[in-house]
Amino acid sequence: MNVLGIIASGVAALFITVVLAKGVRRTALGSAAGREPGGRPSRAGVVRRLGGATLVLGVGAAAAAGWGLGAAGDHGRAVTGLLAGAGTVAALGLVHDVRPLGIPLRVAVQTAAATLAVCLAGLSPVAGVLAVILIVLVTSAFALLDTSDGVLATVAAVTAAGLLACAAVDGRSGLALLPAVLLAGLIGFLLHNWHPARIRPGACGSLFTGFLLAASGVLIHVAAPPERTAWAALPVLATVALADAALVLASRRRASRPLLQDGGDHITHRLRRIRVTVPGTAVVLGLWAGVAVATGTLVYAGVLHPALVLVPSAGSALAVLALLRIPVYVAPPKTTPPAGAAPRSVRPGSTAPASAEPARTTAGRPTVPPPPTGRPTVPPPPTGRPAVGITADRR
């Protein structure tokens, strides 16, 4: 296992990502400062969303350098296909950040990228179809985590650490290269993405990250020795992303809302409703992912029994059920007229509300309101003659 090549690639990914992210941050701040009050929105928001491109460039350049140094080992072809697929979905996300694309087009491009990676990995047709479906689902699930500062980078970094540990257990440097450089790049990106975030991963960074994690997990599963329970251990590493996707789909299904429409109903939004801070949300999800990743890694290494993967899975299911009880689809409050306001006018043809019974004296007779003070106002005639003139004529 080429440990030095992997370490050098990781350091390069960390350095390149930090430098590029700092440049994007300065550009975004300069764009925001140059906007005139009341003018058109500046490009600062777009630049911040393009922060994911720094992660793509940093990780991609470091992975290519590691591949050139021989850190990919015998898996050079598979690593090449995985990087090509990840670059494809990153380009898709970059276009989507600038000009939103439709869901069918995005799914089609992700499927094509996953097919390219699976074909170069040498999987059988049946296993290849299942791998493509899994890669597309996990990629989309990780892309949905970009809803709060630092959440995606934290959860993805913990997941990459688990994949790196699984590859290191088998001594496969080629499969450990991509998780290592992704972990280093995410740490460098998190320095600028922690709350308050200066830049965001956007669709470019989130799709790239999810694709690398999903495809790396598939390659590790394929290359795992027969005694490894990779089929049970590796899916647990994506517990948080899959739980968030399941929560969103179940919540929108119960509320009869469109399943594929963006909304504030993710795990991060629900935690914020129970007064968890933005950094606290990232920490909570990072710990949640850490428990799942530690369990899956120990099961993969043979330290724990495979049945123990049900513990984080069952805990995540209970957490989803508990989070479903937190209301997120709140209807607007009904406004009541203030005291003393004039009653609402009744439209022609509608029934007027029943008026209250007039007050009566002790003798049972209705009370008569006092006469209005001042001269009564006479409405104007149809000719438009002022009411003052009529009043003067009647004197």
Protein backbone atom coordinates (compact mmCIF):
# COMPACT_ATOMS: atom_id res chain seq x y z
CA MET A 1 0.00 0.00 0.00
CA ASN A 2 1.51 3.31 -1.13
CA VAL A 3 1.00 5.21 2.12
CA LEU A 4 3.31 8.09 1.24
CA GLY A 5 1.57 8.71 -2.06
CA ILE A 6 -1.84 8.78 -0.36
CA ILE A 7 -0.61 11.14 2.36
CA ALA A 8 0.97 13.47 -0.20
CA SER A 9 -2.24 13.48 -2.23
CA GLY A 10 -4.28 14.27 0.87
CA VAL A 11 -2.02 17.18 1.83
CA ALA A 12 -2.23 18.51 -1.70
CA ALA A 13 -6.03 18.30 -1.67
CA LEU A 14 -6.18 20.16 1.65
CA PHE A 15 -3.84 22.92 0.49
CA ILE A 16 -5.44 23.44 -2.94
CA THR A 17 -8.97 23.50 -1.52
CA VAL A 18 -8.10 26.01 1.21
CA VAL A 19 -6.36 28.36 -1.24
CA LEU A 20 -9.12 28.21 -3.83
CA ALA A 21 -11.89 28.57 -1.24
CA LYS A 22 -10.19 31.64 0.18
CA GLY A 23 -10.09 33.20 -3.28
CA VAL A 24 -13.78 32.50 -3.88
CA ARG A 25 -14.59 33.96 -0.47
CA ARG A 26 -12.78 37.19 -1.28
CA THR A 27 -14.54 37.41 -4.63
CA ALA A 28 -17.93 36.93 -2.99
CA LEU A 29 -17.22 39.55 -0.34
CA GLY A 30 -16.04 42.01 -2.98
CA SER A 31 -19.17 41.43 -5.04
CA ALA A 32 -21.40 42.01 -2.01
CA ALA A 33 -19.55 45.20 -1.06
CA GLY A 34 -19.88 46.60 -4.56
CA ARG A 35 -23.65 46.35 -4.70
CA GLU A 36 -25.55 49.60 -4.55
CA PRO A 37 -28.48 49.84 -2.11
CA GLY A 38 -31.78 49.29 -3.90
CA GLY A 39 -30.07 48.01 -7.03
CA ARG A 40 -30.15 44.61 -8.65
CA PRO A 41 -28.91 41.63 -6.58
CA SER A 42 -25.17 41.18 -6.88
CA ARG A 43 -23.42 38.04 -7.98
CA ALA A 44 -22.17 37.37 -4.44
CA GLY A 45 -24.83 34.70 -3.87
CA VAL A 46 -23.92 32.94 -7.10
CA VAL A 47 -20.23 33.05 -6.24
CA ARG A 48 -20.87 31.55 -2.81
CA ARG A 49 -22.83 28.70 -4.39
CA LEU A 50 -19.91 28.09 -6.73
CA GLY A 51 -17.70 27.36 -3.73
CA GLY A 52 -18.20 23.66 -4.44
CA ALA A 53 -16.04 24.08 -7.54
CA THR A 54 -13.06 24.69 -5.24
CA LEU A 55 -13.64 21.30 -3.63
CA VAL A 56 -13.92 19.64 -7.04
CA LEU A 57 -10.70 21.21 -8.32
CA GLY A 58 -8.76 20.51 -5.13
CA VAL A 59 -9.81 16.87 -4.82
CA GLY A 60 -9.62 16.21 -8.54
CA ALA A 61 -6.13 17.66 -8.93
CA ALA A 62 -4.82 15.80 -5.88
CA ALA A 63 -6.37 12.51 -6.99
CA ALA A 64 -4.89 12.90 -10.47
CA ALA A 65 -1.47 13.61 -8.94
CA GLY A 66 -1.76 10.56 -6.69
CA TRP A 67 -2.76 8.43 -9.67
CA GLY A 68 0.33 9.71 -11.51
CA LEU A 69 2.53 8.82 -8.52
CA GLY A 70 1.22 5.26 -8.59
CA ALA A 71 -0.98 5.53 -5.50
CA ALA A 72 -3.89 3.97 -7.40
CA GLY A 73 -2.04 0.65 -7.63
CA ASP A 74 -3.90 -2.06 -9.53
CA HIS A 75 -7.15 -0.10 -9.52
CA GLY A 76 -6.00 2.65 -11.87
CA ARG A 77 -8.72 1.92 -14.43
CA ALA A 78 -11.49 1.92 -11.82
CA VAL A 79 -10.18 5.13 -10.26
CA THR A 80 -10.07 6.78 -13.68
CA GLY A 81 -13.68 5.85 -14.39
CA LEU A 82 -14.77 7.05 -10.97
CA LEU A 83 -13.05 10.41 -11.42
CA ALA A 84 -14.56 10.78 -14.89
CA GLY A 85 -18.05 10.11 -13.55
CA ALA A 86 -17.53 12.46 -10.60
CA GLY A 87 -16.33 15.19 -12.95
CA THR A 88 -19.44 14.72 -15.09
CA VAL A 89 -21.87 15.18 -12.19
CA ALA A 90 -19.77 18.11 -10.94
CA ALA A 91 -20.15 19.84 -14.31
CA LEU A 92 -23.87 19.12 -14.15
CA GLY A 93 -24.07 20.70 -10.70
CA LEU A 94 -22.07 23.73 -11.83
CA VAL A 95 -24.56 24.41 -14.61
CA HIS A 96 -27.44 23.86 -12.19
CA ASP A 97 -25.98 26.41 -9.76
CA VAL A 98 -25.98 29.06 -12.46
CA ARG A 99 -29.15 28.06 -14.27
CA PRO A 100 -31.44 25.46 -12.60
CA LEU A 101 -32.05 22.31 -14.61
CA GLY A 102 -34.97 19.89 -14.57
CA ILE A 103 -34.98 16.76 -12.45
CA PRO A 104 -35.21 14.30 -15.39
CA LEU A 105 -32.10 15.77 -16.99
CA ARG A 106 -30.15 15.65 -13.74
CA VAL A 107 -31.12 12.03 -13.07
CA ALA A 108 -30.21 11.06 -16.64
CA VAL A 109 -26.74 12.60 -16.38
CA GLN A 110 -26.13 11.01 -12.97
CA THR A 111 -27.17 7.63 -14.37
CA ALA A 112 -24.82 8.02 -17.32
CA ALA A 113 -21.92 8.98 -15.03
CA ALA A 114 -22.61 6.03 -12.73
CA THR A 115 -22.78 3.69 -15.73
CA LEU A 116 -19.38 4.94 -16.92
CA ALA A 117 -17.82 4.34 -13.52
CA VAL A 118 -19.38 0.88 -13.19
CA CYS A 119 -18.32 -0.21 -16.69
CA LEU A 120 -14.69 0.77 -16.12
CA ALA A 121 -14.78 -1.04 -12.77
CA GLY A 122 -15.54 -4.32 -14.55
CA LEU A 123 -18.78 -5.30 -12.80
CA SER A 124 -21.15 -7.92 -14.16
CA PRO A 125 -24.37 -6.72 -15.84
CA VAL A 126 -26.64 -7.56 -12.91
CA ALA A 127 -24.28 -6.17 -10.30
CA GLY A 128 -23.67 -3.15 -12.53
CA VAL A 129 -27.37 -2.28 -12.72
CA LEU A 130 -27.75 -2.53 -8.95
CA ALA A 131 -24.59 -0.47 -8.47
CA VAL A 132 -25.85 2.27 -10.80
CA ILE A 133 -29.16 2.49 -8.92
CA LEU A 134 -27.37 2.63 -5.57
CA ILE A 135 -24.93 5.30 -6.76
CA VAL A 136 -27.72 7.53 -8.08
CA LEU A 137 -29.78 7.17 -4.88
CA VAL A 138 -26.88 7.86 -2.51
CA THR A 139 -25.64 10.76 -4.64
CA SER A 140 -29.06 12.39 -4.56
CA ALA A 141 -29.40 11.76 -0.83
CA PHE A 142 -26.10 13.48 -0.05
CA ALA A 143 -27.02 16.38 -2.33
CA LEU A 144 -30.10 16.98 -0.16
CA LEU A 145 -27.94 17.51 2.93
CA ASP A 146 -26.79 20.93 1.76
CA THR A 147 -29.45 22.73 3.82
CA SER A 148 -27.39 24.25 6.63
CA ASP A 149 -23.88 25.57 7.22
CA GLY A 150 -21.30 22.82 7.60
CA VAL A 151 -23.73 19.88 7.57
CA LEU A 152 -22.82 18.32 4.23
CA ALA A 153 -19.07 18.74 4.72
CA THR A 154 -19.21 17.30 8.26
CA VAL A 155 -21.30 14.23 7.43
CA ALA A 156 -19.38 13.57 4.21
CA ALA A 157 -16.02 13.87 5.99
CA VAL A 158 -17.09 11.32 8.60
CA THR A 159 -18.32 8.98 5.85
CA ALA A 160 -15.10 9.37 3.86
CA ALA A 161 -13.11 8.50 6.98
CA GLY A 162 -15.11 5.29 7.32
CA LEU A 163 -14.49 4.33 3.68
CA LEU A 164 -10.80 5.09 4.10
CA ALA A 165 -10.66 2.79 7.13
CA CYS A 166 -12.44 -0.01 5.25
CA ALA A 167 -10.00 0.26 2.33
CA ALA A 168 -7.03 0.38 4.71
CA VAL A 169 -8.15 -2.78 6.45
CA ASP A 170 -7.72 -4.69 3.17
CA GLY A 171 -4.50 -2.82 2.28
CA ARG A 172 -5.84 -1.54 -1.05
CA SER A 173 -4.16 1.79 -1.80
CA GLY A 174 -6.08 2.31 -5.04
CA LEU A 175 -9.40 2.23 -3.23
CA ALA A 176 -8.08 4.30 -0.32
CA LEU A 177 -6.83 7.12 -2.56
CA LEU A 178 -10.16 8.75 -3.36
CA PRO A 179 -11.62 8.64 0.19
CA ALA A 180 -8.34 10.05 1.51
CA VAL A 181 -8.18 13.04 -0.83
CA LEU A 182 -11.92 13.66 -0.41
CA LEU A 183 -11.55 13.67 3.38
CA ALA A 184 -8.68 16.16 3.19
CA GLY A 185 -10.54 18.37 0.72
CA LEU A 186 -13.67 18.39 2.89
CA ILE A 187 -11.66 19.44 5.93
CA GLY A 188 -10.17 22.34 3.98
CA PHE A 189 -13.58 23.28 2.61
CA LEU A 190 -15.16 23.11 6.07
CA LEU A 191 -12.84 25.88 7.27
CA HIS A 192 -14.84 28.30 5.09
CA ASN A 193 -18.19 26.47 5.22
CA TRP A 194 -18.62 26.41 9.00
CA HIS A 195 -21.19 28.79 10.44
CA PRO A 196 -21.30 31.57 9.44
CA ALA A 197 -20.52 30.06 6.05
CA ARG A 198 -18.53 32.18 3.61
CA ILE A 199 -19.08 29.76 0.74
CA ARG A 200 -21.47 26.91 0.01
CA PRO A 201 -20.91 23.60 -1.78
CA GLY A 202 -23.94 24.11 -4.01
CA ALA A 203 -25.08 21.44 -6.41
CA CYS A 204 -21.58 21.18 -7.88
CA GLY A 205 -19.86 20.24 -4.63
CA SER A 206 -22.71 18.20 -3.15
CA LEU A 207 -23.21 16.02 -6.24
CA PHE A 208 -19.47 15.52 -6.61
CA THR A 209 -19.12 14.53 -2.95
CA GLY A 210 -22.07 12.17 -2.97
CA PHE A 211 -20.94 10.51 -6.19
CA LEU A 212 -17.40 9.93 -4.92
CA LEU A 213 -18.66 8.44 -1.66
CA ALA A 214 -21.23 6.18 -3.31
CA ALA A 215 -18.95 4.98 -6.10
CA SER A 216 -16.03 4.41 -3.71
CA GLY A 217 -18.30 2.32 -1.50
CA VAL A 218 -19.33 0.21 -4.49
CA LEU A 219 -15.70 -0.38 -5.53
CA ILE A 220 -14.71 -1.36 -1.99
CA HIS A 221 -17.65 -3.77 -1.85
CA VAL A 222 -16.66 -5.39 -5.14
CA ALA A 223 -13.00 -5.79 -4.15
CA ALA A 224 -13.74 -6.98 -0.59
CA PRO A 225 -12.60 -10.52 0.33
CA PRO A 226 -15.34 -13.14 0.74
CA GLU A 227 -15.02 -13.17 4.52
CA ARG A 228 -15.97 -9.49 4.73
CA THR A 229 -19.62 -8.64 5.31
CA ALA A 230 -19.41 -5.63 3.02
CA TRP A 231 -23.03 -6.03 1.92
CA ALA A 232 -24.17 -5.23 5.47
CA ALA A 233 -21.46 -2.83 6.64
CA LEU A 234 -21.02 -0.36 3.78
CA PRO A 235 -24.66 0.81 3.38
CA VAL A 236 -24.66 1.81 7.05
CA LEU A 237 -22.05 4.48 6.29
CA ALA A 238 -24.71 6.51 4.44
CA THR A 239 -27.26 6.28 7.25
CA VAL A 240 -27.68 10.02 7.84
CA ALA A 241 -28.15 10.91 4.17
CA LEU A 242 -30.62 8.08 3.61
CA ALA A 243 -32.52 8.95 6.81
CA ASP A 244 -32.87 12.55 5.72
CA ALA A 245 -34.20 11.50 2.32
CA ALA A 246 -36.65 9.05 3.91
CA LEU A 247 -37.82 11.72 6.35
CA VAL A 248 -38.48 14.22 3.58
CA LEU A 249 -40.37 11.75 1.40
CA ALA A 250 -42.50 10.43 4.27
CA SER A 251 -43.28 13.92 5.54
CA ARG A 252 -44.35 15.23 2.14
CA ARG A 253 -46.38 12.09 1.47
CA ARG A 254 -48.30 12.52 4.72
CA ALA A 255 -48.91 16.21 4.02
CA SER A 256 -49.98 15.55 0.39
CA ARG A 257 -47.21 17.80 -0.90
CA PRO A 258 -45.12 17.39 -4.08
CA LEU A 259 -42.37 14.88 -3.38
CA LEU A 260 -39.71 16.53 -5.54
CA GLN A 261 -40.31 20.17 -4.61
CA ASP A 262 -37.83 21.92 -2.34
CA GLY A 263 -39.08 22.75 1.15
CA GLY A 264 -37.98 23.41 4.71
CA ASP A 265 -38.72 19.89 5.97
CA HIS A 266 -35.26 18.32 6.28
CA ILE A 267 -33.57 17.18 9.48
CA THR A 268 -31.74 20.48 9.78
CA HIS A 269 -34.97 22.49 9.57
CA ARG A 270 -36.65 20.38 12.23
CA LEU A 271 -33.70 20.66 14.60
CA ARG A 272 -33.76 24.42 14.16
CA ARG A 273 -37.45 24.43 15.13
CA ILE A 274 -36.58 22.90 18.50
CA ARG A 275 -34.02 25.66 19.08
CA VAL A 276 -30.86 23.78 18.08
CA THR A 277 -28.28 26.25 16.80
CA VAL A 278 -26.77 26.07 13.32
CA PRO A 279 -23.35 24.83 14.56
CA GLY A 280 -25.16 22.49 16.96
CA THR A 281 -27.09 21.00 14.04
CA ALA A 282 -23.85 20.19 12.22
CA VAL A 283 -22.41 18.64 15.38
CA VAL A 284 -25.50 16.53 16.03
CA LEU A 285 -25.57 15.15 12.51
CA GLY A 286 -21.81 14.59 12.62
CA LEU A 287 -22.16 12.53 15.80
CA TRP A 288 -25.08 10.64 14.29
CA ALA A 289 -22.97 9.81 11.25
CA GLY A 290 -20.01 8.95 13.48
CA VAL A 291 -21.95 6.28 15.36
CA ALA A 292 -23.17 4.70 12.13
CA VAL A 293 -19.76 4.88 10.44
CA ALA A 294 -17.94 3.42 13.46
CA THR A 295 -20.40 0.53 13.64
CA GLY A 296 -20.18 -0.19 9.92
CA THR A 297 -16.38 -0.02 9.90
CA LEU A 298 -16.02 -2.37 12.87
CA VAL A 299 -18.46 -4.82 11.30
CA TYR A 300 -16.51 -4.68 8.03
CA ALA A 301 -13.26 -5.36 9.88
CA GLY A 302 -14.81 -8.36 11.63
CA VAL A 303 -14.60 -6.87 15.12
CA LEU A 304 -18.38 -6.74 15.59
CA HIS A 305 -21.07 -9.21 14.58
CA PRO A 306 -22.90 -8.29 11.35
CA ALA A 307 -26.22 -8.22 13.21
CA LEU A 308 -25.08 -5.12 15.09
CA VAL A 309 -25.55 -3.02 11.96
CA LEU A 310 -29.23 -3.10 12.92
CA VAL A 311 -28.49 -0.89 15.93
CA PRO A 312 -27.74 2.34 14.03
CA SER A 313 -30.40 1.46 11.46
CA ALA A 314 -33.09 1.00 14.11
CA GLY A 315 -31.92 4.10 15.95
CA SER A 316 -32.13 6.13 12.76
CA ALA A 317 -35.65 4.82 12.09
CA LEU A 318 -36.74 5.87 15.58
CA ALA A 319 -35.13 9.27 15.07
CA VAL A 320 -37.03 9.73 11.81
CA LEU A 321 -40.32 8.88 13.55
CA ALA A 322 -39.54 11.37 16.30
CA LEU A 323 -38.59 14.08 13.81
CA LEU A 324 -41.86 13.55 11.94
CA ARG A 325 -43.69 14.84 15.02
CA ILE A 326 -42.01 18.24 14.73
CA PRO A 327 -44.36 20.47 12.69
CA VAL A 328 -42.80 22.13 9.68
CA TYR A 329 -45.84 22.82 7.49
CA VAL A 330 -47.39 25.55 9.60
CA ALA A 331 -50.49 27.27 8.18
CA PRO A 332 -50.59 31.09 8.35
CA PRO A 333 -52.40 32.34 11.47
CA LYS A 334 -55.97 33.56 11.12
CA THR A 335 -56.28 37.28 11.65
CA THR A 336 -59.12 38.56 13.84
CA PRO A 337 -60.38 42.13 13.55
CA PRO A 338 -59.33 44.35 16.44
CA ALA A 339 -61.82 45.48 19.01
CA GLY A 340 -63.86 48.46 17.86
CA ALA A 341 -63.28 47.80 14.16
CA ALA A 342 -66.12 48.42 11.71
CA PRO A 343 -68.12 45.34 10.75
CA ARG A 344 -67.47 43.76 7.38
CA SER A 345 -69.84 44.87 4.64
CA VAL A 346 -72.33 42.34 3.36
CA ARG A 347 -72.36 41.57 -0.35
CA PRO A 348 -75.65 41.76 -2.26
CA GLY A 349 -77.48 38.47 -2.20
CA SER A 350 -75.73 37.24 0.96
CA THR A 351 -77.30 36.84 4.34
CA ALA A 352 -76.34 39.44 6.87
CA PRO A 353 -75.26 38.15 10.28
CA ALA A 354 -77.87 38.26 12.96
CA SER A 355 -77.53 41.38 15.04
CA ALA A 356 -77.58 41.32 18.78
CA GLU A 357 -80.86 42.10 20.63
CA PRO A 358 -81.08 45.81 21.52
CA ALA A 359 -80.62 46.81 25.14
CA ARG A 360 -83.79 47.46 27.18
CA THR A 361 -84.63 49.56 30.23
CA THR A 362 -85.84 48.17 33.53
CA ALA A 363 -89.44 48.67 32.33
CA GLY A 364 -88.79 46.44 29.32
CA ARG A 365 -88.78 49.19 26.72
CA PRO A 366 -85.94 49.39 24.20
CA THR A 367 -83.46 52.11 24.84
CA VAL A 368 -83.34 54.95 22.36
CA PRO A 369 -79.88 56.14 21.37
CA PRO A 370 -79.24 59.83 21.96
CA PRO A 371 -79.65 62.10 18.93
CA PRO A 372 -76.47 62.88 17.07
CA THR A 373 -74.90 66.18 17.86
CA GLY A 374 -74.54 68.76 15.13
CA ARG A 375 -76.42 69.21 11.85
CA PRO A 376 -77.31 65.99 10.01
CA THR A 377 -75.60 65.29 6.77
CA VAL A 378 -77.85 64.99 3.70
CA PRO A 379 -76.61 62.78 0.88
CA PRO A 380 -76.01 64.52 -2.47
CA PRO A 381 -78.72 64.31 -5.15
CA PRO A 382 -78.18 62.43 -8.40
CA THR A 383 -77.30 65.68 -10.16
CA GLY A 384 -74.18 65.99 -8.08
CA ARG A 385 -75.40 69.07 -6.21
CA PRO A 386 -73.54 69.37 -2.89
CA ALA A 387 -75.39 68.51 0.30
CA VAL A 388 -74.60 71.91 1.78
CA GLY A 389 -76.75 73.62 -0.83
CA ILE A 390 -79.73 71.41 -0.05
CA THR A 391 -79.40 72.11 3.63
CA ALA A 392 -79.35 75.83 2.93
CA ASP A 393 -82.52 75.60 0.79
CA ARG A 394 -84.42 73.89 3.59
CA ARG A 395 -83.84 76.66 6.10
